[in-house]
Amino acid sequence: MIFDCFKKKKKGTIPPKTTDLIIIPEVKSDWSDFEMDVAELIMYERQWEAGLNELFLDPYLCTIAQIHSKYMVKQMKPSHDNFPDRVIQAQQYADAKWVGEIVAFGHGTARGVVRGWMSSEGHKKIILKEQATHYGISIEHGIKNGELRNYFTVVFSERKQ
């Protein structure tokens, strides 16, 4: 599933009330090996396969992704629910000009999830967006009917100049 947004934040607007707003002191600062493996494969696709720029890992975007991955675990399904809230958060905390998001669930390997995204034109378009400069990633785990399921969120952004 994908979601892409080109909305610009209006000056002086107050973000809508949400239960998912970021609390700045709780910025994600640790990444699992699984998350880093997914990130490395995304960078491989961008840099080596497509000849694009490397993206910088942004802890605020990772926090935004983590909040959404945890939400998907609670819902037990992948979604782009509340994406406009994440756009506002990325604009406020990560100085984002453009925000794109890809999600997935169920994959047990980094190679499997990235292969799935790259075989989908919509996901591939977000991953290979030339203007993207930063990203955040989160993988959270949930159990449904005794089965472990991974929920993935990657938030991409173009940082304002």
N, C-alpha and C. Protein backbone atom coordinates (compact mmCIF):
# COMPACT_ATOMS: atom_id res chain seq x y z
N MET A 1 0.84 -1.17 0.00
CA MET A 1 0.00 0.00 0.00
C MET A 1 0.89 1.23 0.00
N ILE A 2 0.42 2.28 -0.68
CA ILE A 2 1.21 3.51 -0.74
C ILE A 2 0.34 4.72 -0.48
N PHE A 3 0.97 5.80 -0.15
CA PHE A 3 0.28 7.07 -0.03
C PHE A 3 1.31 8.14 -0.31
N ASP A 4 0.97 9.10 -1.10
CA ASP A 4 1.88 10.14 -1.50
C ASP A 4 1.19 11.48 -1.28
N CYS A 5 1.88 12.47 -0.77
CA CYS A 5 1.22 13.74 -0.48
C CYS A 5 2.12 14.90 -0.85
N PHE A 6 1.56 15.89 -1.52
CA PHE A 6 2.30 17.07 -1.91
C PHE A 6 1.74 18.31 -1.23
N LYS A 7 0.94 18.11 -0.19
CA LYS A 7 0.34 19.24 0.51
C LYS A 7 1.41 20.10 1.17
N LYS A 8 1.18 21.38 1.15
CA LYS A 8 2.09 22.30 1.83
C LYS A 8 1.41 22.82 3.08
N LYS A 9 2.18 22.97 4.13
CA LYS A 9 1.63 23.48 5.39
C LYS A 9 1.36 24.98 5.23
N LYS A 10 0.17 25.39 5.63
CA LYS A 10 -0.17 26.81 5.62
C LYS A 10 0.43 27.45 6.85
N LYS A 11 1.01 28.62 6.67
CA LYS A 11 1.62 29.32 7.80
C LYS A 11 0.55 29.67 8.82
N GLY A 12 0.88 29.46 10.07
CA GLY A 12 0.00 29.83 11.15
C GLY A 12 -1.11 28.83 11.44
N THR A 13 -1.11 27.69 10.76
CA THR A 13 -2.16 26.73 11.04
C THR A 13 -1.78 25.87 12.23
N ILE A 14 -2.77 25.44 12.94
CA ILE A 14 -2.57 24.56 14.09
C ILE A 14 -2.91 23.15 13.64
N PRO A 15 -2.04 22.18 13.90
CA PRO A 15 -2.35 20.82 13.47
C PRO A 15 -3.61 20.30 14.14
N PRO A 16 -4.34 19.43 13.43
CA PRO A 16 -5.55 18.88 14.04
C PRO A 16 -5.20 18.05 15.26
N LYS A 17 -6.16 17.92 16.17
CA LYS A 17 -5.93 17.09 17.34
C LYS A 17 -5.79 15.65 16.90
N THR A 18 -4.83 14.97 17.46
CA THR A 18 -4.61 13.57 17.13
C THR A 18 -3.99 12.89 18.34
N THR A 19 -4.22 11.61 18.46
CA THR A 19 -3.60 10.87 19.56
C THR A 19 -2.20 10.43 19.19
N ASP A 20 -1.80 10.66 17.93
CA ASP A 20 -0.51 10.20 17.47
C ASP A 20 0.54 11.31 17.35
N LEU A 21 0.28 12.48 17.92
CA LEU A 21 1.27 13.55 17.80
C LEU A 21 2.58 13.14 18.47
N ILE A 22 3.65 13.58 17.91
CA ILE A 22 4.98 13.22 18.40
C ILE A 22 5.32 14.05 19.63
N ILE A 23 5.91 13.41 20.58
CA ILE A 23 6.46 14.10 21.75
C ILE A 23 7.96 14.15 21.51
N ILE A 24 8.48 15.31 21.29
CA ILE A 24 9.87 15.48 20.87
C ILE A 24 10.90 14.72 21.71
N PRO A 25 10.86 14.72 23.04
CA PRO A 25 11.90 14.01 23.79
C PRO A 25 11.94 12.50 23.54
N GLU A 26 10.87 11.94 22.95
CA GLU A 26 10.83 10.50 22.74
C GLU A 26 11.22 10.12 21.32
N VAL A 27 12.12 10.85 20.74
CA VAL A 27 12.55 10.57 19.37
C VAL A 27 13.25 9.22 19.31
N LYS A 28 12.87 8.45 18.33
CA LYS A 28 13.46 7.11 18.15
C LYS A 28 14.96 7.25 17.91
N SER A 29 15.75 6.50 18.67
CA SER A 29 17.20 6.61 18.52
C SER A 29 17.87 5.25 18.37
N ASP A 30 17.08 4.19 18.35
CA ASP A 30 17.69 2.88 18.17
C ASP A 30 16.95 2.15 17.05
N TRP A 31 17.70 1.47 16.22
CA TRP A 31 17.13 0.78 15.08
C TRP A 31 17.55 -0.68 15.14
N SER A 32 16.61 -1.55 14.84
CA SER A 32 16.90 -2.98 14.86
C SER A 32 17.73 -3.37 13.63
N ASP A 33 18.36 -4.52 13.71
CA ASP A 33 19.10 -5.04 12.56
C ASP A 33 18.15 -5.23 11.37
N PHE A 34 16.94 -5.68 11.64
CA PHE A 34 15.94 -5.89 10.60
C PHE A 34 15.63 -4.56 9.89
N GLU A 35 15.41 -3.49 10.67
CA GLU A 35 15.15 -2.18 10.08
C GLU A 35 16.33 -1.71 9.24
N MET A 36 17.54 -1.91 9.75
CA MET A 36 18.72 -1.47 9.00
C MET A 36 18.91 -2.30 7.73
N ASP A 37 18.57 -3.59 7.76
CA ASP A 37 18.66 -4.42 6.55
C ASP A 37 17.68 -3.92 5.49
N VAL A 38 16.46 -3.58 5.90
CA VAL A 38 15.48 -3.04 4.96
C VAL A 38 16.00 -1.72 4.39
N ALA A 39 16.52 -0.85 5.26
CA ALA A 39 17.06 0.44 4.82
C ALA A 39 18.21 0.25 3.83
N GLU A 40 19.10 -0.68 4.10
CA GLU A 40 20.22 -0.93 3.18
C GLU A 40 19.74 -1.39 1.82
N LEU A 41 18.72 -2.23 1.78
CA LEU A 41 18.19 -2.70 0.50
C LEU A 41 17.47 -1.58 -0.26
N ILE A 42 16.80 -0.70 0.47
CA ILE A 42 16.19 0.46 -0.18
C ILE A 42 17.27 1.35 -0.78
N MET A 43 18.36 1.57 -0.02
CA MET A 43 19.47 2.38 -0.54
C MET A 43 20.14 1.71 -1.74
N TYR A 44 20.24 0.40 -1.68
CA TYR A 44 20.81 -0.34 -2.83
C TYR A 44 19.96 -0.06 -4.08
N GLU A 45 18.65 -0.16 -3.95
CA GLU A 45 17.76 0.09 -5.09
C GLU A 45 17.91 1.52 -5.60
N ARG A 46 18.02 2.47 -4.69
CA ARG A 46 18.14 3.87 -5.10
C ARG A 46 19.49 4.17 -5.72
N GLN A 47 20.56 3.79 -5.02
CA GLN A 47 21.89 4.20 -5.46
C GLN A 47 22.46 3.33 -6.57
N TRP A 48 22.42 2.03 -6.39
CA TRP A 48 23.10 1.14 -7.33
C TRP A 48 22.24 0.76 -8.52
N GLU A 49 20.97 0.56 -8.30
CA GLU A 49 20.10 0.16 -9.40
C GLU A 49 19.59 1.37 -10.19
N ALA A 50 19.28 2.47 -9.49
CA ALA A 50 18.68 3.62 -10.17
C ALA A 50 19.63 4.81 -10.29
N GLY A 51 20.79 4.77 -9.61
CA GLY A 51 21.76 5.87 -9.70
C GLY A 51 21.31 7.15 -9.01
N LEU A 52 20.46 7.01 -8.00
CA LEU A 52 19.96 8.18 -7.28
C LEU A 52 20.79 8.47 -6.03
N ASN A 53 20.49 9.60 -5.41
CA ASN A 53 21.18 10.01 -4.18
C ASN A 53 20.86 9.09 -3.01
N GLU A 54 21.78 9.06 -2.09
CA GLU A 54 21.55 8.36 -0.82
C GLU A 54 20.57 9.20 0.00
N LEU A 55 19.75 8.52 0.78
CA LEU A 55 18.84 9.23 1.68
C LEU A 55 19.45 9.24 3.08
N PHE A 56 19.14 10.27 3.84
CA PHE A 56 19.63 10.37 5.20
C PHE A 56 18.55 9.89 6.16
N LEU A 57 18.96 9.06 7.12
CA LEU A 57 18.04 8.55 8.13
C LEU A 57 17.73 9.68 9.10
N ASP A 58 16.44 9.95 9.28
CA ASP A 58 16.02 11.04 10.15
C ASP A 58 15.28 10.48 11.36
N PRO A 59 15.76 10.74 12.57
CA PRO A 59 15.12 10.17 13.76
C PRO A 59 13.68 10.63 13.96
N TYR A 60 13.34 11.84 13.54
CA TYR A 60 11.96 12.30 13.67
C TYR A 60 11.05 11.51 12.72
N LEU A 61 11.51 11.29 11.49
CA LEU A 61 10.72 10.50 10.55
C LEU A 61 10.60 9.05 11.04
N CYS A 62 11.65 8.55 11.69
CA CYS A 62 11.57 7.20 12.28
C CYS A 62 10.53 7.15 13.38
N THR A 63 10.44 8.21 14.18
CA THR A 63 9.44 8.26 15.25
C THR A 63 8.03 8.28 14.64
N ILE A 64 7.85 9.08 13.60
CA ILE A 64 6.57 9.14 12.90
C ILE A 64 6.22 7.75 12.35
N ALA A 65 7.20 7.09 11.73
CA ALA A 65 6.97 5.73 11.19
C ALA A 65 6.67 4.74 12.31
N GLN A 66 7.37 4.86 13.42
CA GLN A 66 7.16 3.93 14.54
C GLN A 66 5.75 4.06 15.12
N ILE A 67 5.29 5.28 15.28
CA ILE A 67 3.94 5.50 15.80
C ILE A 67 2.92 4.84 14.88
N HIS A 68 3.13 4.98 13.57
CA HIS A 68 2.18 4.39 12.64
C HIS A 68 2.28 2.86 12.61
N SER A 69 3.48 2.32 12.67
CA SER A 69 3.62 0.86 12.71
C SER A 69 2.93 0.28 13.95
N LYS A 70 3.08 0.95 15.09
CA LYS A 70 2.41 0.49 16.31
C LYS A 70 0.89 0.58 16.15
N TYR A 71 0.43 1.60 15.49
CA TYR A 71 -1.01 1.74 15.22
C TYR A 71 -1.49 0.56 14.37
N MET A 72 -0.72 0.21 13.33
CA MET A 72 -1.12 -0.91 12.47
C MET A 72 -1.14 -2.22 13.25
N VAL A 73 -0.20 -2.40 14.18
CA VAL A 73 -0.20 -3.60 15.03
C VAL A 73 -1.51 -3.66 15.82
N LYS A 74 -1.91 -2.53 16.41
CA LYS A 74 -3.16 -2.49 17.18
C LYS A 74 -4.36 -2.84 16.29
N GLN A 75 -4.35 -2.34 15.07
CA GLN A 75 -5.45 -2.58 14.14
C GLN A 75 -5.36 -3.96 13.49
N MET A 76 -4.18 -4.57 13.55
CA MET A 76 -3.89 -5.87 12.92
C MET A 76 -4.11 -5.84 11.41
N LYS A 77 -3.78 -4.70 10.80
CA LYS A 77 -3.86 -4.59 9.35
C LYS A 77 -3.03 -3.39 8.88
N PRO A 78 -2.49 -3.50 7.68
CA PRO A 78 -1.74 -2.36 7.14
C PRO A 78 -2.71 -1.25 6.72
N SER A 79 -2.28 -0.02 6.83
CA SER A 79 -3.15 1.10 6.44
C SER A 79 -2.33 2.37 6.27
N HIS A 80 -3.00 3.35 5.71
CA HIS A 80 -2.45 4.71 5.66
C HIS A 80 -3.35 5.65 6.45
N ASP A 81 -4.08 5.08 7.41
CA ASP A 81 -4.96 5.89 8.26
C ASP A 81 -4.17 7.06 8.83
N ASN A 82 -4.79 8.21 8.90
CA ASN A 82 -4.21 9.40 9.53
C ASN A 82 -2.95 9.92 8.83
N PHE A 83 -2.76 9.57 7.56
CA PHE A 83 -1.56 10.04 6.86
C PHE A 83 -1.43 11.56 6.88
N PRO A 84 -2.52 12.33 6.69
CA PRO A 84 -2.36 13.79 6.75
C PRO A 84 -1.73 14.28 8.05
N ASP A 85 -2.02 13.60 9.16
CA ASP A 85 -1.38 13.97 10.44
C ASP A 85 0.13 13.75 10.37
N ARG A 86 0.54 12.66 9.73
CA ARG A 86 1.98 12.38 9.62
C ARG A 86 2.66 13.39 8.71
N VAL A 87 1.96 13.86 7.69
CA VAL A 87 2.52 14.90 6.83
C VAL A 87 2.78 16.16 7.65
N ILE A 88 1.80 16.57 8.44
CA ILE A 88 1.95 17.76 9.29
C ILE A 88 3.11 17.57 10.26
N GLN A 89 3.21 16.40 10.87
CA GLN A 89 4.30 16.13 11.81
C GLN A 89 5.65 16.21 11.10
N ALA A 90 5.74 15.65 9.90
CA ALA A 90 7.00 15.69 9.14
C ALA A 90 7.35 17.13 8.76
N GLN A 91 6.36 17.92 8.43
CA GLN A 91 6.62 19.32 8.11
C GLN A 91 7.11 20.07 9.34
N GLN A 92 6.49 19.82 10.49
CA GLN A 92 6.85 20.55 11.71
C GLN A 92 8.18 20.10 12.28
N TYR A 93 8.41 18.81 12.35
CA TYR A 93 9.57 18.29 13.09
C TYR A 93 10.75 17.91 12.22
N ALA A 94 10.51 17.63 10.93
CA ALA A 94 11.60 17.20 10.06
C ALA A 94 11.76 18.13 8.86
N ASP A 95 11.14 19.31 8.92
CA ASP A 95 11.27 20.34 7.89
C ASP A 95 10.98 19.78 6.49
N ALA A 96 9.95 18.95 6.39
CA ALA A 96 9.63 18.28 5.13
C ALA A 96 8.86 19.19 4.18
N LYS A 97 9.21 19.10 2.92
CA LYS A 97 8.52 19.81 1.85
C LYS A 97 7.58 18.84 1.13
N TRP A 98 8.00 17.64 0.95
CA TRP A 98 7.22 16.56 0.32
C TRP A 98 7.29 15.35 1.25
N VAL A 99 6.20 14.58 1.35
CA VAL A 99 6.18 13.39 2.19
C VAL A 99 5.51 12.26 1.42
N GLY A 100 6.15 11.10 1.43
CA GLY A 100 5.58 9.89 0.84
C GLY A 100 5.71 8.76 1.86
N GLU A 101 4.84 7.79 1.75
CA GLU A 101 4.82 6.70 2.73
C GLU A 101 4.54 5.37 2.03
N ILE A 102 5.24 4.34 2.47
CA ILE A 102 4.93 2.98 2.04
C ILE A 102 4.77 2.13 3.28
N VAL A 103 3.84 1.19 3.23
CA VAL A 103 3.63 0.28 4.35
C VAL A 103 3.52 -1.14 3.81
N ALA A 104 3.71 -2.09 4.70
CA ALA A 104 3.55 -3.50 4.36
C ALA A 104 3.36 -4.27 5.65
N PHE A 105 2.96 -5.54 5.51
CA PHE A 105 2.90 -6.40 6.69
C PHE A 105 3.13 -7.84 6.27
N GLY A 106 3.57 -8.61 7.24
CA GLY A 106 3.67 -10.05 7.06
C GLY A 106 5.00 -10.57 6.56
N HIS A 107 5.79 -9.76 5.90
CA HIS A 107 7.06 -10.27 5.37
C HIS A 107 8.01 -10.64 6.51
N GLY A 108 8.72 -11.74 6.33
CA GLY A 108 9.64 -12.21 7.36
C GLY A 108 11.08 -11.85 7.10
N THR A 109 11.37 -11.30 5.91
CA THR A 109 12.75 -10.94 5.58
C THR A 109 12.79 -9.55 4.96
N ALA A 110 13.94 -8.90 5.10
CA ALA A 110 14.14 -7.59 4.49
C ALA A 110 14.05 -7.72 2.97
N ARG A 111 14.68 -8.73 2.42
CA ARG A 111 14.66 -8.93 0.97
C ARG A 111 13.22 -9.11 0.47
N GLY A 112 12.41 -9.85 1.22
CA GLY A 112 11.03 -10.10 0.82
C GLY A 112 10.19 -8.84 0.76
N VAL A 113 10.29 -8.00 1.79
CA VAL A 113 9.47 -6.78 1.80
C VAL A 113 9.94 -5.80 0.73
N VAL A 114 11.25 -5.64 0.55
CA VAL A 114 11.74 -4.70 -0.46
C VAL A 114 11.43 -5.23 -1.86
N ARG A 115 11.56 -6.50 -2.07
CA ARG A 115 11.20 -7.09 -3.37
C ARG A 115 9.72 -6.83 -3.66
N GLY A 116 8.87 -6.98 -2.65
CA GLY A 116 7.45 -6.69 -2.83
C GLY A 116 7.19 -5.24 -3.21
N TRP A 117 7.84 -4.33 -2.51
CA TRP A 117 7.67 -2.91 -2.83
C TRP A 117 8.17 -2.59 -4.23
N MET A 118 9.31 -3.15 -4.60
CA MET A 118 9.88 -2.84 -5.91
C MET A 118 9.09 -3.47 -7.06
N SER A 119 8.27 -4.45 -6.78
CA SER A 119 7.46 -5.05 -7.84
C SER A 119 6.11 -4.34 -7.98
N SER A 120 5.86 -3.35 -7.15
CA SER A 120 4.65 -2.54 -7.21
C SER A 120 5.02 -1.16 -7.75
N GLU A 121 4.41 -0.76 -8.86
CA GLU A 121 4.76 0.53 -9.47
C GLU A 121 4.59 1.71 -8.50
N GLY A 122 3.51 1.71 -7.72
CA GLY A 122 3.28 2.81 -6.79
C GLY A 122 4.33 2.90 -5.70
N HIS A 123 4.68 1.76 -5.11
CA HIS A 123 5.71 1.74 -4.06
C HIS A 123 7.06 2.12 -4.65
N LYS A 124 7.37 1.55 -5.79
CA LYS A 124 8.65 1.81 -6.46
C LYS A 124 8.80 3.31 -6.76
N LYS A 125 7.70 3.94 -7.19
CA LYS A 125 7.73 5.37 -7.50
C LYS A 125 8.13 6.19 -6.27
N ILE A 126 7.60 5.83 -5.11
CA ILE A 126 7.95 6.55 -3.87
C ILE A 126 9.41 6.29 -3.49
N ILE A 127 9.83 5.03 -3.54
CA ILE A 127 11.21 4.67 -3.18
C ILE A 127 12.20 5.38 -4.08
N LEU A 128 11.88 5.49 -5.37
CA LEU A 128 12.80 6.07 -6.35
C LEU A 128 12.52 7.53 -6.66
N LYS A 129 11.80 8.22 -5.78
CA LYS A 129 11.52 9.64 -5.99
C LYS A 129 12.85 10.41 -5.94
N GLU A 130 13.18 11.06 -7.04
CA GLU A 130 14.47 11.75 -7.14
C GLU A 130 14.66 12.83 -6.10
N GLN A 131 13.58 13.54 -5.76
CA GLN A 131 13.70 14.66 -4.83
C GLN A 131 13.80 14.24 -3.38
N ALA A 132 13.56 12.98 -3.09
CA ALA A 132 13.63 12.52 -1.69
C ALA A 132 15.05 12.71 -1.14
N THR A 133 15.11 13.17 0.10
CA THR A 133 16.41 13.41 0.74
C THR A 133 16.56 12.67 2.06
N HIS A 134 15.43 12.36 2.73
CA HIS A 134 15.46 11.76 4.06
C HIS A 134 14.42 10.66 4.16
N TYR A 135 14.58 9.81 5.15
CA TYR A 135 13.59 8.77 5.38
C TYR A 135 13.61 8.36 6.84
N GLY A 136 12.53 7.71 7.24
CA GLY A 136 12.42 7.11 8.56
C GLY A 136 11.77 5.75 8.40
N ILE A 137 12.17 4.81 9.21
CA ILE A 137 11.69 3.44 9.07
C ILE A 137 11.34 2.87 10.43
N SER A 138 10.31 2.02 10.44
CA SER A 138 9.97 1.30 11.65
C SER A 138 9.34 -0.04 11.28
N ILE A 139 9.74 -1.05 12.01
CA ILE A 139 9.12 -2.37 11.90
C ILE A 139 8.68 -2.76 13.30
N GLU A 140 7.39 -3.01 13.44
CA GLU A 140 6.84 -3.45 14.72
C GLU A 140 6.23 -4.83 14.52
N HIS A 141 6.16 -5.59 15.60
CA HIS A 141 5.70 -6.97 15.52
C HIS A 141 4.41 -7.14 16.29
N GLY A 142 3.51 -7.91 15.70
CA GLY A 142 2.25 -8.23 16.36
C GLY A 142 1.95 -9.71 16.17
N ILE A 143 1.15 -10.25 17.06
CA ILE A 143 0.78 -11.67 16.96
C ILE A 143 -0.71 -11.76 16.74
N LYS A 144 -1.09 -12.47 15.69
CA LYS A 144 -2.50 -12.69 15.38
C LYS A 144 -2.69 -14.19 15.16
N ASN A 145 -3.62 -14.75 15.92
CA ASN A 145 -3.89 -16.20 15.84
C ASN A 145 -2.61 -17.01 16.04
N GLY A 146 -1.77 -16.56 16.97
CA GLY A 146 -0.54 -17.28 17.29
C GLY A 146 0.57 -17.11 16.27
N GLU A 147 0.36 -16.27 15.26
CA GLU A 147 1.35 -16.07 14.20
C GLU A 147 1.98 -14.68 14.30
N LEU A 148 3.31 -14.62 14.27
CA LEU A 148 4.03 -13.35 14.31
C LEU A 148 3.88 -12.65 12.97
N ARG A 149 3.50 -11.38 13.02
CA ARG A 149 3.39 -10.57 11.80
C ARG A 149 4.18 -9.30 11.99
N ASN A 150 4.93 -8.94 10.98
CA ASN A 150 5.70 -7.71 10.98
C ASN A 150 4.92 -6.63 10.25
N TYR A 151 4.93 -5.43 10.81
CA TYR A 151 4.27 -4.28 10.20
C TYR A 151 5.33 -3.23 9.90
N PHE A 152 5.42 -2.82 8.65
CA PHE A 152 6.48 -1.95 8.16
C PHE A 152 5.91 -0.59 7.77
N THR A 153 6.60 0.46 8.15
CA THR A 153 6.29 1.80 7.67
C THR A 153 7.61 2.47 7.30
N VAL A 154 7.66 3.03 6.11
CA VAL A 154 8.80 3.87 5.70
C VAL A 154 8.22 5.20 5.25
N VAL A 155 8.70 6.27 5.86
CA VAL A 155 8.27 7.62 5.52
C VAL A 155 9.45 8.30 4.82
N PHE A 156 9.20 8.79 3.63
CA PHE A 156 10.21 9.50 2.83
C PHE A 156 9.87 10.98 2.82
N SER A 157 10.89 11.82 2.72
CA SER A 157 10.62 13.26 2.63
C SER A 157 11.67 13.94 1.79
N GLU A 158 11.28 15.08 1.33
CA GLU A 158 12.22 16.02 0.72
C GLU A 158 12.33 17.16 1.71
N ARG A 159 13.55 17.42 2.16
CA ARG A 159 13.78 18.48 3.14
C ARG A 159 13.76 19.83 2.45
N LYS A 160 13.17 20.81 3.13
CA LYS A 160 13.17 22.17 2.58
C LYS A 160 14.60 22.65 2.50
N GLN A 161 14.87 23.48 1.51
CA GLN A 161 16.24 24.01 1.33
C GLN A 161 16.55 25.12 2.29
